[in-house]
Amino acid sequence: MLGFVARRLVSLLVSLAVASVVIFLFVEVVPGDPAAYMLGLNAAEDTLAALREQLGLNGTLLERYLSWVGGMMQGDFGTSYTYRTPVSEMIGERMWISLPLAVYALTLSTLIAFPAGIWAASQRGRFGDLLVMGVTQLGVAIPNFWFAMLMVLLFAINLRWFSAGGFAGWEAGFGPAVKSLTLPAIALALPQASILARVMRSSLLDSLGEDYIRTARAKGLSRRQALRRHALRNALIPVLTIIGLQFSFLLAGAIIIENVFYLPGLGRLVFQSIAARDLIVVESVVMLLVFAVILVNFLIDLAYALVDPRLRVGA
């Protein structure tokens, strides 16, 4: 197991190194001069040059890359060009919105998908199976931002059960803060729950067709008992993959939902920073999100090894 973990750690570090180079190069080719954006089109050239020097934009690509990576390794993400605030502070403030939102949405998705997928597999070919497949097909087809706007119209404007947007803040209390995240979390969870339920059903049906299930049935177990006692554990490997990918997506890809609900999270921060040519913020936030994605995949690999010890051999 230690060898498996070591190999996965090496893979994680290599992936991070490659990702940092790709992110830096892609952001650097974005058109627009941050200094000119901050000072305006009519700024004098010597003033622009002085600001570029102050922001560290005059160095070579290699110098700026090494400075950026070296700072991140020490916990220093640099200073925002626009807000003149440490990027680490901005990320810390926004993370306390995006991370709980992702966890909330993933929890809702899992709580919906697991029972639905298991029930559909146990009802294969019958009404329950057809119902779950139809509802999940609809859930996959509906865009989450459109569903989010419908929920705002119904629950915020018509029924007035929730606010139309914004975040109450954790200082207002756990209840108001979670209430602010509820509609965005539901909007994010709907398509993810639909995908996860379909994968759960498919994986369970594949497991139910294995020889060990036939043996368990021959010993007297019902289909439902064989599913619960034997098939479910082996069906979790592809499901864990989807859960890991979904968490990564919910954390890094919630920019549209955050804008619909005016949530000051990481996705909205990246959007605003791109518009303001605040490159250091874009680079740092995207790198942090990539790190989260790679770390989640690493943890999923470890979960694989715990679920199926055969994966540790030669991995």
C-alpha atoms as a PDB file:
ATOM      1  CA  MET A   1       0.000   0.000   0.000  1.00  0.00           C
ATOM      2  CA  LEU A   2       2.888   2.390   0.780  1.00  0.00           C
ATOM      3  CA  GLY A   3       4.350   1.818  -2.680  1.00  0.00           C
ATOM      4  CA  PHE A   4       0.966   2.538  -4.244  1.00  0.00           C
ATOM      5  CA  VAL A   5       0.665   5.788  -2.290  1.00  0.00           C
ATOM      6  CA  ALA A   6       4.233   6.816  -3.212  1.00  0.00           C
ATOM      7  CA  ARG A   7       3.608   6.265  -6.922  1.00  0.00           C
ATOM      8  CA  ARG A   8       0.413   8.273  -6.762  1.00  0.00           C
ATOM      9  CA  LEU A   9       2.181  11.115  -4.912  1.00  0.00           C
ATOM     10  CA  VAL A  10       4.856  11.295  -7.613  1.00  0.00           C
ATOM     11  CA  SER A  11       2.134  11.412 -10.263  1.00  0.00           C
ATOM     12  CA  LEU A  12       0.393  14.200  -8.306  1.00  0.00           C
ATOM     13  CA  LEU A  13       3.556  16.316  -8.125  1.00  0.00           C
ATOM     14  CA  VAL A  14       4.308  15.862 -11.837  1.00  0.00           C
ATOM     15  CA  SER A  15       0.725  16.813 -12.721  1.00  0.00           C
ATOM     16  CA  LEU A  16       0.972  19.958 -10.589  1.00  0.00           C
ATOM     17  CA  ALA A  17       4.252  20.984 -12.223  1.00  0.00           C
ATOM     18  CA  VAL A  18       2.848  20.539 -15.742  1.00  0.00           C
ATOM     19  CA  ALA A  19      -0.387  22.315 -14.802  1.00  0.00           C
ATOM     20  CA  SER A  20       1.489  25.316 -13.392  1.00  0.00           C
ATOM     21  CA  VAL A  21       3.417  25.766 -16.661  1.00  0.00           C
ATOM     22  CA  VAL A  22       0.284  25.438 -18.800  1.00  0.00           C
ATOM     23  CA  ILE A  23      -1.752  27.838 -16.639  1.00  0.00           C
ATOM     24  CA  PHE A  24       1.010  30.452 -16.560  1.00  0.00           C
ATOM     25  CA  LEU A  25       1.562  30.360 -20.332  1.00  0.00           C
ATOM     26  CA  PHE A  26      -2.152  30.466 -21.155  1.00  0.00           C
ATOM     27  CA  VAL A  27      -2.824  33.399 -18.842  1.00  0.00           C
ATOM     28  CA  GLU A  28       0.205  35.283 -20.130  1.00  0.00           C
ATOM     29  CA  VAL A  29      -1.060  35.177 -23.731  1.00  0.00           C
ATOM     30  CA  VAL A  30      -4.379  36.782 -22.726  1.00  0.00           C
ATOM     31  CA  PRO A  31      -4.511  40.107 -24.592  1.00  0.00           C
ATOM     32  CA  GLY A  32      -4.465  43.293 -22.596  1.00  0.00           C
ATOM     33  CA  ASP A  33      -1.962  45.149 -20.416  1.00  0.00           C
ATOM     34  CA  PRO A  34      -2.927  45.160 -16.710  1.00  0.00           C
ATOM     35  CA  ALA A  35      -1.064  48.426 -16.187  1.00  0.00           C
ATOM     36  CA  ALA A  36      -2.865  50.135 -19.076  1.00  0.00           C
ATOM     37  CA  TYR A  37      -6.182  48.782 -17.814  1.00  0.00           C
ATOM     38  CA  MET A  38      -5.555  50.198 -14.340  1.00  0.00           C
ATOM     39  CA  LEU A  39      -4.324  53.642 -15.467  1.00  0.00           C
ATOM     40  CA  GLY A  40      -6.528  54.122 -18.514  1.00  0.00           C
ATOM     41  CA  LEU A  41      -5.841  54.563 -22.205  1.00  0.00           C
ATOM     42  CA  ASN A  42      -4.458  58.092 -21.827  1.00  0.00           C
ATOM     43  CA  ALA A  43      -1.771  57.241 -19.257  1.00  0.00           C
ATOM     44  CA  ALA A  44       1.755  58.440 -19.998  1.00  0.00           C
ATOM     45  CA  GLU A  45       4.274  55.823 -21.082  1.00  0.00           C
ATOM     46  CA  ASP A  46       6.672  56.540 -18.215  1.00  0.00           C
ATOM     47  CA  THR A  47       3.806  56.116 -15.736  1.00  0.00           C
ATOM     48  CA  LEU A  48       2.884  52.814 -17.361  1.00  0.00           C
ATOM     49  CA  ALA A  49       6.508  51.681 -17.214  1.00  0.00           C
ATOM     50  CA  ALA A  50       6.743  52.563 -13.519  1.00  0.00           C
ATOM     51  CA  LEU A  51       3.565  50.637 -12.727  1.00  0.00           C
ATOM     52  CA  ARG A  52       4.711  47.604 -14.737  1.00  0.00           C
ATOM     53  CA  GLU A  53       7.933  47.644 -12.737  1.00  0.00           C
ATOM     54  CA  GLN A  54       5.990  47.886  -9.479  1.00  0.00           C
ATOM     55  CA  LEU A  55       3.746  44.978 -10.484  1.00  0.00           C
ATOM     56  CA  GLY A  56       6.687  42.860 -11.599  1.00  0.00           C
ATOM     57  CA  LEU A  57       5.555  42.723 -15.226  1.00  0.00           C
ATOM     58  CA  ASN A  58       8.875  43.728 -16.767  1.00  0.00           C
ATOM     59  CA  GLY A  59      10.734  40.497 -16.059  1.00  0.00           C
ATOM     60  CA  THR A  60      11.094  37.652 -18.525  1.00  0.00           C
ATOM     61  CA  LEU A  61       8.509  34.882 -18.646  1.00  0.00           C
ATOM     62  CA  LEU A  62      10.870  32.523 -16.842  1.00  0.00           C
ATOM     63  CA  GLU A  63      11.596  35.038 -14.094  1.00  0.00           C
ATOM     64  CA  ARG A  64       7.913  35.747 -13.542  1.00  0.00           C
ATOM     65  CA  TYR A  65       7.053  32.044 -13.579  1.00  0.00           C
ATOM     66  CA  LEU A  66       9.727  31.153 -11.029  1.00  0.00           C
ATOM     67  CA  SER A  67       8.705  34.088  -8.840  1.00  0.00           C
ATOM     68  CA  TRP A  68       5.064  33.020  -8.973  1.00  0.00           C
ATOM     69  CA  VAL A  69       5.718  29.336  -8.251  1.00  0.00           C
ATOM     70  CA  GLY A  70       8.285  30.136  -5.547  1.00  0.00           C
ATOM     71  CA  GLY A  71       5.823  32.440  -3.831  1.00  0.00           C
ATOM     72  CA  MET A  72       3.034  29.841  -3.926  1.00  0.00           C
ATOM     73  CA  MET A  73       5.290  27.212  -2.386  1.00  0.00           C
ATOM     74  CA  GLN A  74       5.769  29.601   0.536  1.00  0.00           C
ATOM     75  CA  GLY A  75       2.066  30.422   0.774  1.00  0.00           C
ATOM     76  CA  ASP A  76       2.467  33.791  -0.963  1.00  0.00           C
ATOM     77  CA  PHE A  77       0.135  34.084  -3.964  1.00  0.00           C
ATOM     78  CA  GLY A  78       1.164  37.644  -4.705  1.00  0.00           C
ATOM     79  CA  THR A  79      -0.820  40.880  -4.598  1.00  0.00           C
ATOM     80  CA  SER A  80      -3.879  41.671  -6.708  1.00  0.00           C
ATOM     81  CA  TYR A  81      -3.149  44.273  -9.401  1.00  0.00           C
ATOM     82  CA  THR A  82      -6.637  45.730  -9.092  1.00  0.00           C
ATOM     83  CA  TYR A  83      -7.440  45.597  -5.391  1.00  0.00           C
ATOM     84  CA  ARG A  84      -3.837  45.851  -4.084  1.00  0.00           C
ATOM     85  CA  THR A  85      -4.765  43.110  -1.615  1.00  0.00           C
ATOM     86  CA  PRO A  86      -2.896  39.843  -0.997  1.00  0.00           C
ATOM     87  CA  VAL A  87      -4.381  37.203  -3.269  1.00  0.00           C
ATOM     88  CA  SER A  88      -4.268  34.657  -0.440  1.00  0.00           C
ATOM     89  CA  GLU A  89      -6.686  36.814   1.580  1.00  0.00           C
ATOM     90  CA  MET A  90      -9.059  37.133  -1.374  1.00  0.00           C
ATOM     91  CA  ILE A  91      -8.954  33.372  -1.967  1.00  0.00           C
ATOM     92  CA  GLY A  92      -9.502  32.668   1.719  1.00  0.00           C
ATOM     93  CA  GLU A  93     -12.602  34.861   1.818  1.00  0.00           C
ATOM     94  CA  ARG A  94     -14.089  33.353  -1.343  1.00  0.00           C
ATOM     95  CA  MET A  95     -13.156  29.761  -0.464  1.00  0.00           C
ATOM     96  CA  TRP A  96     -15.484  29.844   2.532  1.00  0.00           C
ATOM     97  CA  ILE A  97     -18.331  30.240   0.052  1.00  0.00           C
ATOM     98  CA  SER A  98     -17.288  28.022  -2.859  1.00  0.00           C
ATOM     99  CA  LEU A  99     -16.130  25.052  -0.786  1.00  0.00           C
ATOM    100  CA  PRO A 100     -19.287  24.787   1.385  1.00  0.00           C
ATOM    101  CA  LEU A 101     -21.385  25.262  -1.769  1.00  0.00           C
ATOM    102  CA  ALA A 102     -19.574  22.379  -3.510  1.00  0.00           C
ATOM    103  CA  VAL A 103     -19.881  20.116  -0.446  1.00  0.00           C
ATOM    104  CA  TYR A 104     -23.555  21.030  -0.019  1.00  0.00           C
ATOM    105  CA  ALA A 105     -24.330  20.334  -3.688  1.00  0.00           C
ATOM    106  CA  LEU A 106     -22.386  17.053  -3.692  1.00  0.00           C
ATOM    107  CA  THR A 107     -24.145  15.919  -0.514  1.00  0.00           C
ATOM    108  CA  LEU A 108     -27.547  16.621  -2.048  1.00  0.00           C
ATOM    109  CA  SER A 109     -26.511  14.907  -5.263  1.00  0.00           C
ATOM    110  CA  THR A 110     -25.322  11.782  -3.441  1.00  0.00           C
ATOM    111  CA  LEU A 111     -28.356  11.597  -1.149  1.00  0.00           C
ATOM    112  CA  ILE A 112     -30.642  11.728  -4.189  1.00  0.00           C
ATOM    113  CA  ALA A 113     -28.622   9.558  -6.564  1.00  0.00           C
ATOM    114  CA  PHE A 114     -27.737   6.578  -4.380  1.00  0.00           C
ATOM    115  CA  PRO A 115     -31.312   5.591  -3.413  1.00  0.00           C
ATOM    116  CA  ALA A 116     -32.575   6.375  -6.929  1.00  0.00           C
ATOM    117  CA  GLY A 117     -29.857   4.326  -8.646  1.00  0.00           C
ATOM    118  CA  ILE A 118     -30.197   1.384  -6.259  1.00  0.00           C
ATOM    119  CA  TRP A 119     -33.978   1.391  -6.569  1.00  0.00           C
ATOM    120  CA  ALA A 120     -33.804   1.563 -10.383  1.00  0.00           C
ATOM    121  CA  ALA A 121     -31.389  -1.397 -10.474  1.00  0.00           C
ATOM    122  CA  SER A 122     -33.619  -3.441  -8.160  1.00  0.00           C
ATOM    123  CA  GLN A 123     -36.645  -2.615 -10.360  1.00  0.00           C
ATOM    124  CA  ARG A 124     -34.971  -3.285 -13.704  1.00  0.00           C
ATOM    125  CA  GLY A 125     -37.473  -3.199 -16.559  1.00  0.00           C
ATOM    126  CA  ARG A 126     -40.362  -2.246 -14.298  1.00  0.00           C
ATOM    127  CA  PHE A 127     -42.122   1.031 -13.645  1.00  0.00           C
ATOM    128  CA  GLY A 128     -39.655   2.237 -10.973  1.00  0.00           C
ATOM    129  CA  ASP A 129     -36.717   1.753 -13.321  1.00  0.00           C
ATOM    130  CA  LEU A 130     -38.453   3.564 -16.178  1.00  0.00           C
ATOM    131  CA  LEU A 131     -39.458   6.399 -13.853  1.00  0.00           C
ATOM    132  CA  VAL A 132     -35.908   6.952 -12.551  1.00  0.00           C
ATOM    133  CA  MET A 133     -34.440   6.795 -16.057  1.00  0.00           C
ATOM    134  CA  GLY A 134     -36.981   9.284 -17.368  1.00  0.00           C
ATOM    135  CA  VAL A 135     -36.494  11.758 -14.526  1.00  0.00           C
ATOM    136  CA  THR A 136     -32.699  11.530 -14.704  1.00  0.00           C
ATOM    137  CA  GLN A 137     -32.752  12.024 -18.475  1.00  0.00           C
ATOM    138  CA  LEU A 138     -34.718  15.215 -17.873  1.00  0.00           C
ATOM    139  CA  GLY A 139     -32.266  16.269 -15.155  1.00  0.00           C
ATOM    140  CA  VAL A 140     -29.303  15.843 -17.489  1.00  0.00           C
ATOM    141  CA  ALA A 141     -31.033  17.736 -20.314  1.00  0.00           C
ATOM    142  CA  ILE A 142     -32.086  20.815 -18.303  1.00  0.00           C
ATOM    143  CA  PRO A 143     -29.312  23.469 -18.087  1.00  0.00           C
ATOM    144  CA  ASN A 144     -28.563  24.206 -14.444  1.00  0.00           C
ATOM    145  CA  PHE A 145     -28.515  27.994 -14.963  1.00  0.00           C
ATOM    146  CA  TRP A 146     -32.020  27.870 -16.501  1.00  0.00           C
ATOM    147  CA  PHE A 147     -33.225  25.706 -13.609  1.00  0.00           C
ATOM    148  CA  ALA A 148     -31.572  28.186 -11.220  1.00  0.00           C
ATOM    149  CA  MET A 149     -33.503  31.096 -12.719  1.00  0.00           C
ATOM    150  CA  LEU A 150     -36.766  29.138 -12.454  1.00  0.00           C
ATOM    151  CA  MET A 151     -36.092  28.502  -8.770  1.00  0.00           C
ATOM    152  CA  VAL A 152     -35.384  32.203  -8.228  1.00  0.00           C
ATOM    153  CA  LEU A 153     -38.722  33.078  -9.854  1.00  0.00           C
ATOM    154  CA  LEU A 154     -40.639  30.489  -7.830  1.00  0.00           C
ATOM    155  CA  PHE A 155     -38.993  30.396  -4.405  1.00  0.00           C
ATOM    156  CA  ALA A 156     -37.499  33.899  -4.175  1.00  0.00           C
ATOM    157  CA  ILE A 157     -39.853  36.175  -6.101  1.00  0.00           C
ATOM    158  CA  ASN A 158     -43.231  34.412  -5.886  1.00  0.00           C
ATOM    159  CA  LEU A 159     -43.086  32.462  -2.617  1.00  0.00           C
ATOM    160  CA  ARG A 160     -40.384  34.617  -0.961  1.00  0.00           C
ATOM    161  CA  TRP A 161     -38.946  31.621   0.891  1.00  0.00           C
ATOM    162  CA  PHE A 162     -35.363  32.473  -0.107  1.00  0.00           C
ATOM    163  CA  SER A 163     -33.471  35.568  -1.166  1.00  0.00           C
ATOM    164  CA  ALA A 164     -32.922  36.043  -4.882  1.00  0.00           C
ATOM    165  CA  GLY A 165     -29.155  36.225  -4.480  1.00  0.00           C
ATOM    166  CA  GLY A 166     -26.214  37.246  -2.365  1.00  0.00           C
ATOM    167  CA  PHE A 167     -24.679  35.578   0.653  1.00  0.00           C
ATOM    168  CA  ALA A 168     -25.728  36.298   4.223  1.00  0.00           C
ATOM    169  CA  GLY A 169     -22.255  35.549   5.570  1.00  0.00           C
ATOM    170  CA  TRP A 170     -21.196  32.999   8.163  1.00  0.00           C
ATOM    171  CA  GLU A 171     -21.109  35.732  10.787  1.00  0.00           C
ATOM    172  CA  ALA A 172     -24.902  35.954  10.434  1.00  0.00           C
ATOM    173  CA  GLY A 173     -25.185  32.382  11.702  1.00  0.00           C
ATOM    174  CA  PHE A 174     -25.076  28.885  10.241  1.00  0.00           C
ATOM    175  CA  GLY A 175     -28.776  28.803   9.364  1.00  0.00           C
ATOM    176  CA  PRO A 176     -28.925  32.038   7.303  1.00  0.00           C
ATOM    177  CA  ALA A 177     -25.658  31.188   5.549  1.00  0.00           C
ATOM    178  CA  VAL A 178     -26.796  27.693   4.553  1.00  0.00           C
ATOM    179  CA  LYS A 179     -30.166  29.118   3.473  1.00  0.00           C
ATOM    180  CA  SER A 180     -28.309  31.499   1.122  1.00  0.00           C
ATOM    181  CA  LEU A 181     -26.545  28.499  -0.448  1.00  0.00           C
ATOM    182  CA  THR A 182     -29.577  26.234  -0.713  1.00  0.00           C
ATOM    183  CA  LEU A 183     -30.973  27.314  -4.090  1.00  0.00           C
ATOM    184  CA  PRO A 184     -27.507  27.427  -5.740  1.00  0.00           C
ATOM    185  CA  ALA A 185     -26.701  23.993  -4.282  1.00  0.00           C
ATOM    186  CA  ILE A 186     -29.941  22.506  -5.618  1.00  0.00           C
ATOM    187  CA  ALA A 187     -29.293  24.028  -9.055  1.00  0.00           C
ATOM    188  CA  LEU A 188     -25.819  22.480  -9.088  1.00  0.00           C
ATOM    189  CA  ALA A 189     -26.930  19.144  -7.632  1.00  0.00           C
ATOM    190  CA  LEU A 190     -29.779  18.366 -10.060  1.00  0.00           C
ATOM    191  CA  PRO A 191     -27.742  17.405 -13.152  1.00  0.00           C
ATOM    192  CA  GLN A 192     -25.016  15.778 -11.039  1.00  0.00           C
ATOM    193  CA  ALA A 193     -27.562  13.637  -9.192  1.00  0.00           C
ATOM    194  CA  SER A 194     -29.048  12.559 -12.521  1.00  0.00           C
ATOM    195  CA  ILE A 195     -25.667  11.487 -13.873  1.00  0.00           C
ATOM    196  CA  LEU A 196     -24.670   9.738 -10.658  1.00  0.00           C
ATOM    197  CA  ALA A 197     -27.971   7.837 -10.415  1.00  0.00           C
ATOM    198  CA  ARG A 198     -27.605   6.515 -13.957  1.00  0.00           C
ATOM    199  CA  VAL A 199     -24.006   5.441 -13.316  1.00  0.00           C
ATOM    200  CA  MET A 200     -25.034   3.781 -10.045  1.00  0.00           C
ATOM    201  CA  ARG A 201     -27.801   1.841 -11.780  1.00  0.00           C
ATOM    202  CA  SER A 202     -25.575   0.752 -14.656  1.00  0.00           C
ATOM    203  CA  SER A 203     -22.731  -0.312 -12.367  1.00  0.00           C
ATOM    204  CA  LEU A 204     -25.083  -2.294 -10.129  1.00  0.00           C
ATOM    205  CA  LEU A 205     -26.647  -4.081 -13.087  1.00  0.00           C
ATOM    206  CA  ASP A 206     -23.179  -5.036 -14.336  1.00  0.00           C
ATOM    207  CA  SER A 207     -22.305  -6.413 -10.901  1.00  0.00           C
ATOM    208  CA  LEU A 208     -25.583  -8.330 -10.692  1.00  0.00           C
ATOM    209  CA  GLY A 209     -24.598 -10.201 -13.847  1.00  0.00           C
ATOM    210  CA  GLU A 210     -21.376 -11.562 -12.328  1.00  0.00           C
ATOM    211  CA  ASP A 211     -20.859 -15.197 -11.346  1.00  0.00           C
ATOM    212  CA  TYR A 212     -20.528 -14.463  -7.624  1.00  0.00           C
ATOM    213  CA  ILE A 213     -24.020 -12.968  -7.648  1.00  0.00           C
ATOM    214  CA  ARG A 214     -25.397 -16.082  -9.318  1.00  0.00           C
ATOM    215  CA  THR A 215     -23.703 -18.152  -6.633  1.00  0.00           C
ATOM    216  CA  ALA A 216     -25.234 -15.975  -3.900  1.00  0.00           C
ATOM    217  CA  ARG A 217     -28.662 -16.315  -5.506  1.00  0.00           C
ATOM    218  CA  ALA A 218     -28.211 -20.087  -5.756  1.00  0.00           C
ATOM    219  CA  LYS A 219     -27.557 -20.165  -2.005  1.00  0.00           C
ATOM    220  CA  GLY A 220     -30.959 -18.641  -1.389  1.00  0.00           C
ATOM    221  CA  LEU A 221     -30.444 -14.869  -1.367  1.00  0.00           C
ATOM    222  CA  SER A 222     -33.082 -12.768  -3.056  1.00  0.00           C
ATOM    223  CA  ARG A 223     -32.108 -10.343  -5.810  1.00  0.00           C
ATOM    224  CA  ARG A 224     -32.432  -7.414  -3.403  1.00  0.00           C
ATOM    225  CA  GLN A 225     -30.309  -9.137  -0.728  1.00  0.00           C
ATOM    226  CA  ALA A 226     -27.607 -10.050  -3.256  1.00  0.00           C
ATOM    227  CA  LEU A 227     -27.598  -6.480  -4.504  1.00  0.00           C
ATOM    228  CA  ARG A 228     -27.261  -4.990  -1.042  1.00  0.00           C
ATOM    229  CA  ARG A 229     -24.746  -7.479   0.408  1.00  0.00           C
ATOM    230  CA  HIS A 230     -22.497  -8.223  -2.558  1.00  0.00           C
ATOM    231  CA  ALA A 231     -23.111  -6.117  -5.672  1.00  0.00           C
ATOM    232  CA  LEU A 232     -23.144  -2.694  -4.037  1.00  0.00           C
ATOM    233  CA  ARG A 233     -19.531  -2.759  -2.804  1.00  0.00           C
ATOM    234  CA  ASN A 234     -18.154  -3.802  -6.191  1.00  0.00           C
ATOM    235  CA  ALA A 235     -20.316  -1.266  -7.996  1.00  0.00           C
ATOM    236  CA  LEU A 236     -18.788   1.625  -6.043  1.00  0.00           C
ATOM    237  CA  ILE A 237     -15.556   1.939  -8.075  1.00  0.00           C
ATOM    238  CA  PRO A 238     -17.053   3.720 -11.132  1.00  0.00           C
ATOM    239  CA  VAL A 239     -19.385   5.619  -8.799  1.00  0.00           C
ATOM    240  CA  LEU A 240     -16.419   6.917  -6.786  1.00  0.00           C
ATOM    241  CA  THR A 241     -14.869   8.136 -10.036  1.00  0.00           C
ATOM    242  CA  ILE A 242     -17.970  10.145 -10.865  1.00  0.00           C
ATOM    243  CA  ILE A 243     -18.224  11.548  -7.331  1.00  0.00           C
ATOM    244  CA  GLY A 244     -14.605  12.737  -7.504  1.00  0.00           C
ATOM    245  CA  LEU A 245     -15.142  14.353 -10.901  1.00  0.00           C
ATOM    246  CA  GLN A 246     -18.363  15.951  -9.706  1.00  0.00           C
ATOM    247  CA  PHE A 247     -16.748  17.495  -6.639  1.00  0.00           C
ATOM    248  CA  SER A 248     -13.987  18.916  -8.824  1.00  0.00           C
ATOM    249  CA  PHE A 249     -16.553  20.321 -11.232  1.00  0.00           C
ATOM    250  CA  LEU A 250     -18.705  21.764  -8.450  1.00  0.00           C
ATOM    251  CA  LEU A 251     -15.724  23.507  -6.901  1.00  0.00           C
ATOM    252  CA  ALA A 252     -14.115  24.767 -10.090  1.00  0.00           C
ATOM    253  CA  GLY A 253     -17.034  25.064 -12.473  1.00  0.00           C
ATOM    254  CA  ALA A 254     -19.744  26.858 -10.523  1.00  0.00           C
ATOM    255  CA  ILE A 255     -18.982  30.233 -12.121  1.00  0.00           C
ATOM    256  CA  ILE A 256     -22.350  30.483 -13.926  1.00  0.00           C
ATOM    257  CA  ILE A 257     -24.390  29.607 -10.839  1.00  0.00           C
ATOM    258  CA  GLU A 258     -22.347  31.983  -8.689  1.00  0.00           C
ATOM    259  CA  ASN A 259     -23.103  34.768 -11.156  1.00  0.00           C
ATOM    260  CA  VAL A 260     -26.817  33.907 -11.302  1.00  0.00           C
ATOM    261  CA  PHE A 261     -27.079  34.134  -7.516  1.00  0.00           C
ATOM    262  CA  TYR A 262     -24.448  36.875  -7.068  1.00  0.00           C
ATOM    263  CA  LEU A 263     -22.389  34.688  -4.768  1.00  0.00           C
ATOM    264  CA  PRO A 264     -18.911  36.119  -4.071  1.00  0.00           C
ATOM    265  CA  GLY A 265     -17.157  32.780  -4.574  1.00  0.00           C
ATOM    266  CA  LEU A 266     -14.031  31.685  -6.420  1.00  0.00           C
ATOM    267  CA  GLY A 267     -15.800  31.319  -9.756  1.00  0.00           C
ATOM    268  CA  ARG A 268     -17.094  34.884  -9.639  1.00  0.00           C
ATOM    269  CA  LEU A 269     -13.650  36.079  -8.525  1.00  0.00           C
ATOM    270  CA  VAL A 270     -12.034  34.491 -11.584  1.00  0.00           C
ATOM    271  CA  PHE A 271     -14.666  36.022 -13.868  1.00  0.00           C
ATOM    272  CA  GLN A 272     -14.146  39.502 -12.417  1.00  0.00           C
ATOM    273  CA  SER A 273     -10.348  39.138 -12.500  1.00  0.00           C
ATOM    274  CA  ILE A 274     -10.335  38.138 -16.168  1.00  0.00           C
ATOM    275  CA  ALA A 275     -12.449  41.183 -17.001  1.00  0.00           C
ATOM    276  CA  ALA A 276     -10.046  43.410 -15.036  1.00  0.00           C
ATOM    277  CA  ARG A 277      -6.888  41.738 -16.486  1.00  0.00           C
ATOM    278  CA  ASP A 278      -5.867  40.897 -12.907  1.00  0.00           C
ATOM    279  CA  LEU A 279      -3.604  38.087 -14.101  1.00  0.00           C
ATOM    280  CA  ILE A 280      -2.006  37.200 -10.788  1.00  0.00           C
ATOM    281  CA  VAL A 281      -5.433  36.484  -9.282  1.00  0.00           C
ATOM    282  CA  VAL A 282      -6.500  34.405 -12.287  1.00  0.00           C
ATOM    283  CA  GLU A 283      -3.288  32.352 -12.223  1.00  0.00           C
ATOM    284  CA  SER A 284      -3.410  31.728  -8.498  1.00  0.00           C
ATOM    285  CA  VAL A 285      -7.094  30.837  -8.270  1.00  0.00           C
ATOM    286  CA  VAL A 286      -6.976  28.536 -11.297  1.00  0.00           C
ATOM    287  CA  MET A 287      -3.841  26.858  -9.937  1.00  0.00           C
ATOM    288  CA  LEU A 288      -5.561  26.344  -6.594  1.00  0.00           C
ATOM    289  CA  LEU A 289      -8.587  24.816  -8.312  1.00  0.00           C
ATOM    290  CA  VAL A 290      -6.355  22.530 -10.375  1.00  0.00           C
ATOM    291  CA  PHE A 291      -4.614  21.452  -7.173  1.00  0.00           C
ATOM    292  CA  ALA A 292      -8.017  20.649  -5.658  1.00  0.00           C
ATOM    293  CA  VAL A 293      -8.978  18.574  -8.709  1.00  0.00           C
ATOM    294  CA  ILE A 294      -5.694  16.629  -8.678  1.00  0.00           C
ATOM    295  CA  LEU A 295      -5.893  16.104  -4.907  1.00  0.00           C
ATOM    296  CA  VAL A 296      -9.456  14.781  -5.174  1.00  0.00           C
ATOM    297  CA  ASN A 297      -8.363  12.354  -7.898  1.00  0.00           C
ATOM    298  CA  PHE A 298      -5.498  11.227  -5.649  1.00  0.00           C
ATOM    299  CA  LEU A 299      -7.928  10.574  -2.803  1.00  0.00           C
ATOM    300  CA  ILE A 300     -10.229   8.690  -5.194  1.00  0.00           C
ATOM    301  CA  ASP A 301      -7.294   6.469  -6.204  1.00  0.00           C
ATOM    302  CA  LEU A 302      -6.707   5.696  -2.524  1.00  0.00           C
ATOM    303  CA  ALA A 303     -10.392   4.909  -2.110  1.00  0.00           C
ATOM    304  CA  TYR A 304     -10.138   2.529  -5.094  1.00  0.00           C
ATOM    305  CA  ALA A 305      -7.305   0.672  -3.391  1.00  0.00           C
ATOM    306  CA  LEU A 306      -9.327   0.350  -0.195  1.00  0.00           C
ATOM    307  CA  VAL A 307     -12.427  -0.892  -2.030  1.00  0.00           C
ATOM    308  CA  ASP A 308     -10.514  -3.283  -4.327  1.00  0.00           C
ATOM    309  CA  PRO A 309      -7.053  -4.393  -3.049  1.00  0.00           C
ATOM    310  CA  ARG A 310      -6.243  -5.854  -6.491  1.00  0.00           C
ATOM    311  CA  LEU A 311      -5.712  -2.306  -7.775  1.00  0.00           C
ATOM    312  CA  ARG A 312      -2.680  -1.853  -5.499  1.00  0.00           C
ATOM    313  CA  VAL A 313      -0.701  -4.465  -7.422  1.00  0.00           C
ATOM    314  CA  GLY A 314       1.329  -2.995 -10.297  1.00  0.00           C
ATOM    315  CA  ALA A 315      -0.502   0.347 -10.104  1.00  0.00           C
END
